[in-house]
């Protein structure tokens, strides 16, 4: 399996300098926010407030991620 097929989860602190920049770039207005990207960095979906387990599983299956 290549690195491209790995699911990466990155936690960002929206209260520090870098986090504020990322929150602005990705229009994050609610915390917590979860944003799922494909391998080309395109946003596929986002979830605000809670993470939907079934949506994560179906997305990782659809994009062949582990």
Protein backbone atom coordinates (compact mmCIF):
# COMPACT_ATOMS: atom_id res chain seq x y z
CA UNK A 1 0.00 0.00 0.00
CA UNK A 2 1.33 3.40 -0.92
CA UNK A 3 1.38 6.48 1.29
CA UNK A 4 -1.32 7.95 -0.99
CA UNK A 5 -3.82 5.35 0.20
CA UNK A 6 -3.39 6.13 3.89
CA UNK A 7 -6.00 8.01 5.83
CA UNK A 8 -4.40 10.90 7.70
CA UNK A 9 -6.14 12.64 10.55
CA UNK A 10 -4.77 16.03 11.48
CA UNK A 11 -5.93 17.96 14.53
CA UNK A 12 -5.64 21.72 14.25
CA UNK A 13 -5.85 24.13 17.16
CA UNK A 14 -7.90 27.01 15.72
CA UNK A 15 -6.73 29.28 18.53
CA UNK A 16 -3.04 29.36 17.61
CA UNK A 17 -1.48 31.31 14.73
CA UNK A 18 -1.33 28.51 12.14
CA UNK A 19 -4.73 27.19 13.17
CA UNK A 20 -6.32 30.61 12.68
CA UNK A 21 -4.89 30.80 9.17
CA UNK A 22 -6.16 27.32 8.30
CA UNK A 23 -9.58 28.02 9.82
CA UNK A 24 -9.84 31.13 7.68
CA UNK A 25 -8.65 29.37 4.51
CA UNK A 26 -11.14 26.51 4.95
CA UNK A 27 -13.96 28.73 6.30
CA UNK A 28 -14.19 26.93 9.63
CA UNK A 29 -16.70 28.78 11.78
CA UNK A 30 -17.76 26.01 14.18
CA UNK A 31 -15.66 23.83 16.45
CA UNK A 32 -15.32 20.95 16.15
CA UNK A 33 -15.32 20.74 12.36
CA UNK A 34 -14.21 17.70 10.39
CA UNK A 35 -13.23 18.10 6.74
CA UNK A 36 -12.60 15.09 4.49
CA UNK A 37 -10.31 15.63 1.47
CA UNK A 38 -9.48 13.30 -1.40
CA UNK A 39 -5.89 12.58 -2.51
CA UNK A 40 -5.89 15.71 -4.70
CA UNK A 41 -6.79 17.93 -1.71
CA UNK A 42 -10.36 18.49 -2.90
CA UNK A 43 -12.91 18.80 -0.13
CA UNK A 44 -15.37 15.90 -0.29
CA UNK A 45 -17.52 16.67 2.75
CA UNK A 46 -17.48 18.33 6.15
CA UNK A 47 -19.20 17.63 9.41
CA UNK A 48 -19.87 20.23 12.08
CA UNK A 49 -20.24 19.41 15.75
CA UNK A 50 -19.91 15.67 15.53
CA UNK A 51 -18.35 13.10 13.27
CA UNK A 52 -20.66 10.67 11.52
CA UNK A 53 -18.96 7.26 11.79
CA UNK A 54 -20.90 5.76 8.85
CA UNK A 55 -19.92 8.66 6.59
CA UNK A 56 -16.24 8.20 7.49
CA UNK A 57 -16.40 4.45 6.78
CA UNK A 58 -18.19 4.89 3.46
CA UNK A 59 -15.72 7.61 2.40
CA UNK A 60 -12.66 5.56 3.29
CA UNK A 61 -14.14 2.61 1.39
CA UNK A 62 -14.98 4.78 -1.64
CA UNK A 63 -11.46 6.21 -1.79
CA UNK A 64 -9.75 2.90 -0.93
CA UNK A 65 -8.14 4.30 2.23
CA UNK A 66 -6.90 2.44 5.28
